[in-house]
PDB file of N, CA and C in Angstrom:
ATOM      1  N   MET A   1      -9.282   9.382  -4.539  1.00  0.00           N
ATOM      2  CA  MET A   1      -9.865  10.897  -5.093  1.00  0.00           C
ATOM      3  C   MET A   1     -11.059  10.489  -5.847  1.00  0.00           C
ATOM      4  N   ILE A   2     -11.783  10.744  -5.746  1.00  0.00           N
ATOM      5  CA  ILE A   2     -13.384  10.824  -6.315  1.00  0.00           C
ATOM      6  C   ILE A   2     -13.120  12.049  -7.383  1.00  0.00           C
ATOM      7  N   ILE A   3     -13.363  11.998  -8.915  1.00  0.00           N
ATOM      8  CA  ILE A   3     -13.678  12.801  -9.884  1.00  0.00           C
ATOM      9  C   ILE A   3     -14.614  12.712 -10.501  1.00  0.00           C
ATOM     10  N   THR A   4     -15.562  13.585 -10.669  1.00  0.00           N
ATOM     11  CA  THR A   4     -16.888  13.416 -11.302  1.00  0.00           C
ATOM     12  C   THR A   4     -16.805  13.964 -12.706  1.00  0.00           C
ATOM     13  N   GLY A   5     -17.619  13.930 -13.761  1.00  0.00           N
ATOM     14  CA  GLY A   5     -17.463  13.854 -15.125  1.00  0.00           C
ATOM     15  C   GLY A   5     -17.660  12.684 -15.705  1.00  0.00           C
ATOM     16  N   THR A   6     -17.387  12.518 -17.171  1.00  0.00           N
ATOM     17  CA  THR A   6     -17.415  11.584 -18.163  1.00  0.00           C
ATOM     18  C   THR A   6     -16.066  10.563 -17.708  1.00  0.00           C
ATOM     19  N   ALA A   7     -15.996   9.687 -18.290  1.00  0.00           N
ATOM     20  CA  ALA A   7     -14.920   8.479 -18.102  1.00  0.00           C
ATOM     21  C   ALA A   7     -13.777   9.376 -18.575  1.00  0.00           C
ATOM     22  N   GLU A   8     -14.164   9.944 -19.724  1.00  0.00           N
ATOM     23  CA  GLU A   8     -12.915  10.702 -20.681  1.00  0.00           C
ATOM     24  C   GLU A   8     -12.266  11.890 -19.775  1.00  0.00           C
ATOM     25  N   GLU A   9     -13.417  12.450 -18.956  1.00  0.00           N
ATOM     26  CA  GLU A   9     -12.826  13.908 -18.272  1.00  0.00           C
ATOM     27  C   GLU A   9     -12.194  13.302 -17.198  1.00  0.00           C
ATOM     28  N   GLN A  10     -12.869  12.452 -16.370  1.00  0.00           N
ATOM     29  CA  GLN A  10     -11.947  11.690 -14.957  1.00  0.00           C
ATOM     30  C   GLN A  10     -10.691  11.381 -15.513  1.00  0.00           C
ATOM     31  N   GLU A  11     -10.555  10.791 -16.475  1.00  0.00           N
ATOM     32  CA  GLU A  11      -8.942  10.110 -17.105  1.00  0.00           C
ATOM     33  C   GLU A  11      -8.285  11.599 -17.340  1.00  0.00           C
ATOM     34  N   ALA A  12      -8.527  12.523 -18.071  1.00  0.00           N
ATOM     35  CA  ALA A  12      -7.863  13.927 -18.235  1.00  0.00           C
ATOM     36  C   ALA A  12      -7.254  14.559 -16.899  1.00  0.00           C
ATOM     37  N   THR A  13      -8.078  14.322 -16.118  1.00  0.00           N
ATOM     38  CA  THR A  13      -7.989  15.030 -14.761  1.00  0.00           C
ATOM     39  C   THR A  13      -6.827  14.447 -14.014  1.00  0.00           C
ATOM     40  N   ARG A  14      -7.000  13.117 -14.226  1.00  0.00           N
ATOM     41  CA  ARG A  14      -5.943  12.325 -13.424  1.00  0.00           C
ATOM     42  C   ARG A  14      -4.347  12.278 -13.924  1.00  0.00           C
ATOM     43  N   LYS A  15      -4.657  12.230 -15.617  1.00  0.00           N
ATOM     44  CA  LYS A  15      -3.159  12.733 -16.192  1.00  0.00           C
ATOM     45  C   LYS A  15      -2.654  13.943 -15.921  1.00  0.00           C
ATOM     46  N   ARG A  16      -3.842  14.901 -16.059  1.00  0.00           N
ATOM     47  CA  ARG A  16      -2.933  16.297 -15.993  1.00  0.00           C
ATOM     48  C   ARG A  16      -2.317  16.649 -14.287  1.00  0.00           C
ATOM     49  N   ILE A  17      -3.218  16.179 -13.407  1.00  0.00           N
ATOM     50  CA  ILE A  17      -2.351  15.652 -11.864  1.00  0.00           C
ATOM     51  C   ILE A  17      -1.261  14.998 -11.966  1.00  0.00           C
ATOM     52  N   ALA A  18      -1.287  13.819 -12.576  1.00  0.00           N
ATOM     53  CA  ALA A  18       0.085  12.805 -12.271  1.00  0.00           C
ATOM     54  C   ALA A  18       1.076  13.315 -13.279  1.00  0.00           C
ATOM     55  N   ASN A  19       0.668  13.888 -14.335  1.00  0.00           N
ATOM     56  CA  ASN A  19       2.187  15.082 -14.930  1.00  0.00           C
ATOM     57  C   ASN A  19       2.565  15.603 -14.172  1.00  0.00           C
ATOM     58  N   ARG A  20       1.871  16.832 -13.340  1.00  0.00           N
ATOM     59  CA  ARG A  20       2.378  17.685 -12.728  1.00  0.00           C
ATOM     60  C   ARG A  20       3.312  17.182 -11.775  1.00  0.00           C
ATOM     61  N   LEU A  21       2.847  16.042 -11.145  1.00  0.00           N
ATOM     62  CA  LEU A  21       3.842  15.388  -9.937  1.00  0.00           C
ATOM     63  C   LEU A  21       5.043  14.617 -10.759  1.00  0.00           C
ATOM     64  N   ARG A  22       4.977  14.210 -12.070  1.00  0.00           N
ATOM     65  CA  ARG A  22       6.133  13.534 -12.371  1.00  0.00           C
ATOM     66  C   ARG A  22       6.874  14.800 -12.649  1.00  0.00           C
ATOM     67  N   ARG A  23       6.398  16.122 -13.228  1.00  0.00           N
ATOM     68  CA  ARG A  23       7.163  17.016 -13.604  1.00  0.00           C
ATOM     69  C   ARG A  23       8.226  17.451 -12.185  1.00  0.00           C
ATOM     70  N   ALA A  24       7.216  17.890 -11.086  1.00  0.00           N
ATOM     71  CA  ALA A  24       8.007  18.026 -10.023  1.00  0.00           C
ATOM     72  C   ALA A  24       8.811  17.060  -9.341  1.00  0.00           C
ATOM     73  N   GLN A  25       8.637  15.775  -9.697  1.00  0.00           N
ATOM     74  CA  GLN A  25       9.884  14.525  -9.480  1.00  0.00           C
ATOM     75  C   GLN A  25      11.000  14.578 -10.292  1.00  0.00           C
ATOM     76  N   GLY A  26      10.643  15.120 -11.465  1.00  0.00           N
ATOM     77  CA  GLY A  26      11.915  15.616 -12.229  1.00  0.00           C
ATOM     78  C   GLY A  26      13.049  16.575 -11.654  1.00  0.00           C
ATOM     79  N   GLN A  27      12.021  17.610 -11.511  1.00  0.00           N
ATOM     80  CA  GLN A  27      12.659  18.947 -10.768  1.00  0.00           C
ATOM     81  C   GLN A  27      13.254  18.601 -10.017  1.00  0.00           C
ATOM     82  N   LEU A  28      12.657  17.932  -8.661  1.00  0.00           N
ATOM     83  CA  LEU A  28      13.187  17.569  -7.900  1.00  0.00           C
ATOM     84  C   LEU A  28      14.799  16.478  -7.842  1.00  0.00           C
ATOM     85  N   ALA A  29      14.769  16.165  -8.810  1.00  0.00           N
ATOM     86  CA  ALA A  29      16.042  15.259  -8.797  1.00  0.00           C
ATOM     87  C   ALA A  29      16.964  16.050  -9.419  1.00  0.00           C
ATOM     88  N   GLY A  30      16.360  16.977 -10.769  1.00  0.00           N
ATOM     89  CA  GLY A  30      17.469  18.028 -10.642  1.00  0.00           C
ATOM     90  C   GLY A  30      18.140  19.182  -9.528  1.00  0.00           C
ATOM     91  N   VAL A  31      17.380  19.097  -8.954  1.00  0.00           N
ATOM     92  CA  VAL A  31      17.901  19.934  -7.331  1.00  0.00           C
ATOM     93  C   VAL A  31      18.881  19.261  -6.555  1.00  0.00           C
ATOM     94  N   ILE A  32      18.648  17.898  -6.469  1.00  0.00           N
ATOM     95  CA  ILE A  32      19.610  16.673  -5.954  1.00  0.00           C
ATOM     96  C   ILE A  32      20.815  17.013  -6.739  1.00  0.00           C
ATOM     97  N   ALA A  33      20.821  16.831  -7.722  1.00  0.00           N
ATOM     98  CA  ALA A  33      21.936  16.467  -8.798  1.00  0.00           C
ATOM     99  C   ALA A  33      22.797  17.909  -8.626  1.00  0.00           C
ATOM    100  N   ALA A  34      21.844  19.507  -8.537  1.00  0.00           N
ATOM    101  CA  ALA A  34      22.408  20.622  -8.290  1.00  0.00           C
ATOM    102  C   ALA A  34      23.685  20.355  -7.158  1.00  0.00           C
ATOM    103  N   VAL A  35      22.868  20.082  -5.897  1.00  0.00           N
ATOM    104  CA  VAL A  35      23.359  20.264  -4.979  1.00  0.00           C
ATOM    105  C   VAL A  35      24.585  19.406  -5.003  1.00  0.00           C
ATOM    106  N   GLU A  36      24.501  18.197  -5.635  1.00  0.00           N
ATOM    107  CA  GLU A  36      25.773  17.295  -5.318  1.00  0.00           C
ATOM    108  C   GLU A  36      26.924  17.459  -6.020  1.00  0.00           C
ATOM    109  N   SER A  37      26.577  18.096  -7.280  1.00  0.00           N
ATOM    110  CA  SER A  37      27.506  18.779  -8.014  1.00  0.00           C
ATOM    111  C   SER A  37      28.004  20.247  -7.404  1.00  0.00           C
ATOM    112  N   GLY A  38      27.444  20.952  -6.543  1.00  0.00           N
ATOM    113  CA  GLY A  38      27.913  22.053  -5.892  1.00  0.00           C
ATOM    114  C   GLY A  38      27.838  23.171  -6.940  1.00  0.00           C
ATOM    115  N   ARG A  39      26.561  23.074  -7.734  1.00  0.00           N
ATOM    116  CA  ARG A  39      25.932  24.285  -8.414  1.00  0.00           C
ATOM    117  C   ARG A  39      25.728  25.488  -7.145  1.00  0.00           C
ATOM    118  N   SER A  40      25.707  26.793  -8.115  1.00  0.00           N
ATOM    119  CA  SER A  40      25.470  27.878  -7.370  1.00  0.00           C
ATOM    120  C   SER A  40      24.142  27.897  -6.451  1.00  0.00           C
ATOM    121  N   CYS A  41      24.124  28.662  -5.312  1.00  0.00           N
ATOM    122  CA  CYS A  41      22.806  28.455  -4.692  1.00  0.00           C
ATOM    123  C   CYS A  41      22.237  29.279  -5.618  1.00  0.00           C
ATOM    124  N   ARG A  42      22.145  30.114  -6.364  1.00  0.00           N
ATOM    125  CA  ARG A  42      20.941  30.690  -7.116  1.00  0.00           C
ATOM    126  C   ARG A  42      20.369  29.595  -7.771  1.00  0.00           C
ATOM    127  N   ASP A  43      20.866  28.596  -8.781  1.00  0.00           N
ATOM    128  CA  ASP A  43      20.746  27.514  -9.564  1.00  0.00           C
ATOM    129  C   ASP A  43      19.943  26.729  -8.779  1.00  0.00           C
ATOM    130  N   VAL A  44      20.481  26.487  -7.157  1.00  0.00           N
ATOM    131  CA  VAL A  44      19.836  25.447  -6.637  1.00  0.00           C
ATOM    132  C   VAL A  44      18.455  25.968  -6.263  1.00  0.00           C
ATOM    133  N   VAL A  45      18.530  27.559  -5.965  1.00  0.00           N
ATOM    134  CA  VAL A  45      16.874  27.887  -5.295  1.00  0.00           C
ATOM    135  C   VAL A  45      16.039  28.066  -6.397  1.00  0.00           C
ATOM    136  N   THR A  46      16.563  28.278  -7.565  1.00  0.00           N
ATOM    137  CA  THR A  46      15.576  28.541  -8.715  1.00  0.00           C
ATOM    138  C   THR A  46      14.658  27.104  -9.016  1.00  0.00           C
ATOM    139  N   GLN A  47      15.653  26.254  -8.965  1.00  0.00           N
ATOM    140  CA  GLN A  47      14.894  24.804  -9.456  1.00  0.00           C
ATOM    141  C   GLN A  47      14.541  24.194  -7.946  1.00  0.00           C
ATOM    142  N   LEU A  48      14.518  24.770  -6.893  1.00  0.00           N
ATOM    143  CA  LEU A  48      13.669  24.322  -5.494  1.00  0.00           C
ATOM    144  C   LEU A  48      12.594  25.005  -5.553  1.00  0.00           C
ATOM    145  N   ALA A  49      12.339  26.515  -6.552  1.00  0.00           N
ATOM    146  CA  ALA A  49      11.204  27.099  -6.421  1.00  0.00           C
ATOM    147  C   ALA A  49      10.329  26.390  -7.611  1.00  0.00           C
ATOM    148  N   ALA A  50      10.975  26.108  -8.678  1.00  0.00           N
ATOM    149  CA  ALA A  50       9.900  25.227  -9.580  1.00  0.00           C
ATOM    150  C   ALA A  50       9.702  24.091  -8.889  1.00  0.00           C
ATOM    151  N   VAL A  51      10.443  23.528  -8.352  1.00  0.00           N
ATOM    152  CA  VAL A  51       9.441  22.062  -7.746  1.00  0.00           C
ATOM    153  C   VAL A  51       8.620  22.498  -6.602  1.00  0.00           C
ATOM    154  N   THR A  52       8.531  23.647  -5.892  1.00  0.00           N
ATOM    155  CA  THR A  52       7.583  23.975  -4.837  1.00  0.00           C
ATOM    156  C   THR A  52       6.473  24.402  -5.618  1.00  0.00           C
ATOM    157  N   SER A  53       6.700  25.411  -6.898  1.00  0.00           N
ATOM    158  CA  SER A  53       5.467  25.487  -7.578  1.00  0.00           C
ATOM    159  C   SER A  53       4.839  24.550  -8.409  1.00  0.00           C
ATOM    160  N   ALA A  54       5.312  23.444  -8.838  1.00  0.00           N
ATOM    161  CA  ALA A  54       4.889  22.375  -9.252  1.00  0.00           C
ATOM    162  C   ALA A  54       3.844  21.634  -8.368  1.00  0.00           C
ATOM    163  N   LEU A  55       4.674  21.476  -7.129  1.00  0.00           N
ATOM    164  CA  LEU A  55       3.574  20.547  -6.129  1.00  0.00           C
ATOM    165  C   LEU A  55       2.421  21.483  -5.671  1.00  0.00           C
ATOM    166  N   ASP A  56       2.500  22.490  -5.649  1.00  0.00           N
ATOM    167  CA  ASP A  56       1.606  23.511  -5.139  1.00  0.00           C
ATOM    168  C   ASP A  56       0.504  23.508  -6.487  1.00  0.00           C
ATOM    169  N   ARG A  57       0.944  23.526  -7.565  1.00  0.00           N
ATOM    170  CA  ARG A  57      -0.176  23.211  -8.504  1.00  0.00           C
ATOM    171  C   ARG A  57      -0.897  21.837  -8.444  1.00  0.00           C
ATOM    172  N   ALA A  58      -0.177  20.718  -8.505  1.00  0.00           N
ATOM    173  CA  ALA A  58      -0.860  19.496  -8.398  1.00  0.00           C
ATOM    174  C   ALA A  58      -1.555  19.474  -7.134  1.00  0.00           C
ATOM    175  N   GLY A  59      -1.392  20.281  -5.943  1.00  0.00           N
ATOM    176  CA  GLY A  59      -2.233  20.324  -4.851  1.00  0.00           C
ATOM    177  C   GLY A  59      -3.104  20.727  -5.097  1.00  0.00           C
ATOM    178  N   PHE A  60      -3.304  22.258  -5.480  1.00  0.00           N
ATOM    179  CA  PHE A  60      -4.550  23.244  -6.043  1.00  0.00           C
ATOM    180  C   PHE A  60      -5.557  22.338  -7.227  1.00  0.00           C
ATOM    181  N   ALA A  61      -4.841  21.595  -8.334  1.00  0.00           N
ATOM    182  CA  ALA A  61      -5.985  20.525  -8.801  1.00  0.00           C
ATOM    183  C   ALA A  61      -6.317  19.596  -8.659  1.00  0.00           C
ATOM    184  N   ILE A  62      -5.739  18.609  -6.923  1.00  0.00           N
ATOM    185  CA  ILE A  62      -6.458  18.060  -6.624  1.00  0.00           C
ATOM    186  C   ILE A  62      -7.886  18.609  -5.816  1.00  0.00           C
ATOM    187  N   VAL A  63      -7.793  19.414  -5.045  1.00  0.00           N
ATOM    188  CA  VAL A  63      -8.608  20.538  -4.322  1.00  0.00           C
ATOM    189  C   VAL A  63      -9.554  20.564  -5.100  1.00  0.00           C
ATOM    190  N   SER A  64      -9.192  21.139  -6.298  1.00  0.00           N
ATOM    191  CA  SER A  64     -10.033  21.567  -7.196  1.00  0.00           C
ATOM    192  C   SER A  64     -11.208  21.021  -7.645  1.00  0.00           C
ATOM    193  N   ALA A  65     -10.447  19.550  -8.311  1.00  0.00           N
ATOM    194  CA  ALA A  65     -11.483  18.281  -8.209  1.00  0.00           C
ATOM    195  C   ALA A  65     -12.200  17.929  -7.510  1.00  0.00           C
ATOM    196  N   ALA A  66     -12.032  18.254  -5.944  1.00  0.00           N
ATOM    197  CA  ALA A  66     -12.940  17.519  -5.037  1.00  0.00           C
ATOM    198  C   ALA A  66     -14.028  18.829  -4.583  1.00  0.00           C
ATOM    199  N   MET A  67     -13.632  19.909  -5.062  1.00  0.00           N
ATOM    200  CA  MET A  67     -14.345  20.817  -4.880  1.00  0.00           C
ATOM    201  C   MET A  67     -15.493  21.062  -6.060  1.00  0.00           C
ATOM    202  N   ARG A  68     -15.134  20.566  -6.914  1.00  0.00           N
ATOM    203  CA  ARG A  68     -15.797  20.363  -8.303  1.00  0.00           C
ATOM    204  C   ARG A  68     -17.094  19.323  -7.962  1.00  0.00           C
ATOM    205  N   ASP A  69     -16.463  18.418  -7.267  1.00  0.00           N
ATOM    206  CA  ASP A  69     -17.538  17.227  -7.066  1.00  0.00           C
ATOM    207  C   ASP A  69     -18.811  17.822  -6.062  1.00  0.00           C
ATOM    208  N   CYS A  70     -17.954  18.409  -4.989  1.00  0.00           N
ATOM    209  CA  CYS A  70     -18.942  19.104  -3.852  1.00  0.00           C
ATOM    210  C   CYS A  70     -19.939  19.916  -4.601  1.00  0.00           C
ATOM    211  N   VAL A  71     -19.349  20.738  -5.549  1.00  0.00           N
ATOM    212  CA  VAL A  71     -20.858  21.272  -6.279  1.00  0.00           C
ATOM    213  C   VAL A  71     -21.975  20.736  -7.058  1.00  0.00           C
ATOM    214  N   THR A  72     -21.008  19.389  -7.782  1.00  0.00           N
ATOM    215  CA  THR A  72     -21.750  19.217  -8.540  1.00  0.00           C
ATOM    216  C   THR A  72     -23.051  17.926  -7.811  1.00  0.00           C
ATOM    217  N   ASP A  73     -22.468  17.366  -6.864  1.00  0.00           N
ATOM    218  CA  ASP A  73     -23.202  16.398  -5.851  1.00  0.00           C
ATOM    219  C   ASP A  73     -22.553  16.555  -4.713  1.00  0.00           C
ATOM    220  N   PRO A  74     -22.910  17.266  -3.786  1.00  0.00           N
ATOM    221  CA  PRO A  74     -22.922  17.306  -2.456  1.00  0.00           C
ATOM    222  C   PRO A  74     -22.847  16.463  -1.758  1.00  0.00           C
ATOM    223  N   ALA A  75     -24.046  15.698  -1.762  1.00  0.00           N
ATOM    224  CA  ALA A  75     -24.114  14.226  -0.975  1.00  0.00           C
ATOM    225  C   ALA A  75     -23.408  13.186  -1.067  1.00  0.00           C
ATOM    226  N   GLY A  76     -23.370  13.194  -2.941  1.00  0.00           N
ATOM    227  CA  GLY A  76     -22.245  12.030  -3.051  1.00  0.00           C
ATOM    228  C   GLY A  76     -20.980  12.366  -2.844  1.00  0.00           C
ATOM    229  N   ALA A  77     -20.366  13.348  -2.996  1.00  0.00           N
ATOM    230  CA  ALA A  77     -18.980  13.694  -3.115  1.00  0.00           C
ATOM    231  C   ALA A  77     -18.483  13.477  -1.377  1.00  0.00           C
ATOM    232  N   GLU A  78     -19.699  14.173  -0.529  1.00  0.00           N
ATOM    233  CA  GLU A  78     -19.238  14.031   1.003  1.00  0.00           C
ATOM    234  C   GLU A  78     -19.093  12.226   1.165  1.00  0.00           C
ATOM    235  N   GLU A  79     -19.863  11.812   0.945  1.00  0.00           N
ATOM    236  CA  GLU A  79     -20.177  10.257   1.008  1.00  0.00           C
ATOM    237  C   GLU A  79     -18.794   9.352   0.722  1.00  0.00           C
ATOM    238  N   ALA A  80     -18.430   9.575  -0.664  1.00  0.00           N
ATOM    239  CA  ALA A  80     -17.448   9.183  -1.231  1.00  0.00           C
ATOM    240  C   ALA A  80     -16.398   9.300  -0.725  1.00  0.00           C
ATOM    241  N   GLU A  81     -15.846  10.701  -0.626  1.00  0.00           N
ATOM    242  CA  GLU A  81     -14.564  11.129   0.200  1.00  0.00           C
ATOM    243  C   GLU A  81     -14.289  11.516   1.477  1.00  0.00           C
ATOM    244  N   GLY A  82     -15.629  11.810   2.103  1.00  0.00           N
ATOM    245  CA  GLY A  82     -15.722  12.002   3.402  1.00  0.00           C
ATOM    246  C   GLY A  82     -15.487  13.328   3.661  1.00  0.00           C
ATOM    247  N   LEU A  83     -15.576  14.153   2.909  1.00  0.00           N
ATOM    248  CA  LEU A  83     -14.951  15.737   2.975  1.00  0.00           C
ATOM    249  C   LEU A  83     -16.100  16.499   2.970  1.00  0.00           C
ATOM    250  N   THR A  84     -15.888  17.312   4.188  1.00  0.00           N
ATOM    251  CA  THR A  84     -17.006  18.525   4.384  1.00  0.00           C
ATOM    252  C   THR A  84     -16.779  19.601   3.568  1.00  0.00           C
ATOM    253  N   ALA A  85     -17.536  20.656   3.472  1.00  0.00           N
ATOM    254  CA  ALA A  85     -16.906  21.723   2.846  1.00  0.00           C
ATOM    255  C   ALA A  85     -15.743  22.706   3.665  1.00  0.00           C
ATOM    256  N   GLU A  86     -16.041  22.427   5.052  1.00  0.00           N
ATOM    257  CA  GLU A  86     -14.977  22.920   6.221  1.00  0.00           C
ATOM    258  C   GLU A  86     -13.535  22.106   5.639  1.00  0.00           C
ATOM    259  N   GLU A  87     -13.495  21.121   5.607  1.00  0.00           N
ATOM    260  CA  GLU A  87     -12.703  20.354   5.435  1.00  0.00           C
ATOM    261  C   GLU A  87     -11.796  20.405   4.045  1.00  0.00           C
ATOM    262  N   LEU A  88     -12.641  20.630   3.139  1.00  0.00           N
ATOM    263  CA  LEU A  88     -12.327  21.382   1.672  1.00  0.00           C
ATOM    264  C   LEU A  88     -11.129  22.419   2.229  1.00  0.00           C
ATOM    265  N   GLU A  89     -11.814  23.367   2.704  1.00  0.00           N
ATOM    266  CA  GLU A  89     -11.502  25.086   2.833  1.00  0.00           C
ATOM    267  C   GLU A  89     -10.131  24.690   3.640  1.00  0.00           C
ATOM    268  N   LYS A  90      -9.612  23.766   4.409  1.00  0.00           N
ATOM    269  CA  LYS A  90      -8.589  23.784   5.455  1.00  0.00           C
ATOM    270  C   LYS A  90      -7.656  23.105   4.405  1.00  0.00           C
ATOM    271  N   LEU A  91      -8.128  21.713   3.544  1.00  0.00           N
ATOM    272  CA  LEU A  91      -7.105  21.335   2.836  1.00  0.00           C
ATOM    273  C   LEU A  91      -6.502  22.508   1.393  1.00  0.00           C
ATOM    274  N   PHE A  92      -7.632  23.378   0.994  1.00  0.00           N
ATOM    275  CA  PHE A  92      -6.977  24.607   0.523  1.00  0.00           C
ATOM    276  C   PHE A  92      -6.094  25.265   1.096  1.00  0.00           C
ATOM    277  N   LEU A  93      -6.380  25.859   2.328  1.00  0.00           N
ATOM    278  CA  LEU A  93      -5.655  26.648   3.096  1.00  0.00           C
ATOM    279  C   LEU A  93      -4.436  26.247   3.608  1.00  0.00           C
ATOM    280  N   ALA A  94      -4.095  24.853   3.438  1.00  0.00           N
ATOM    281  CA  ALA A  94      -3.258  24.247   3.530  1.00  0.00           C
ATOM    282  C   ALA A  94      -2.167  24.104   2.690  1.00  0.00           C
ATOM    283  N   LEU A  95      -2.469  24.603   1.295  1.00  0.00           N
ATOM    284  CA  LEU A  95      -1.636  24.672   0.109  1.00  0.00           C
ATOM    285  C   LEU A  95      -1.051  26.175   0.246  1.00  0.00           C
ATOM    286  N   ALA A  96      -1.736  26.953   0.738  1.00  0.00           N
ATOM    287  CA  ALA A  96      -1.609  28.662   0.544  1.00  0.00           C
ATOM    288  C   ALA A  96      -0.084  28.822   1.211  1.00  0.00           C
TER     289      ALA A  96
END
């Protein structure tokens, strides 16, 4: 994944995305534990919704970074990632 900006900005973006994914991973472990322990439907679905939201936010952050790269350097971003504007749109819509 190509991320533009200073080295500090790139690292901050990577960390933010990784943290979102770790949060989703922890929430998914909670869903599994809830199912295995026979927790109520309400508890399981509430935790599952949190996982879904965390994954959506991570996906949007990744697509957002790619879109930012295309706006900053359209030719460079397309060469590095091979993503056209149409492909970015499809990625974005896949998350919706």
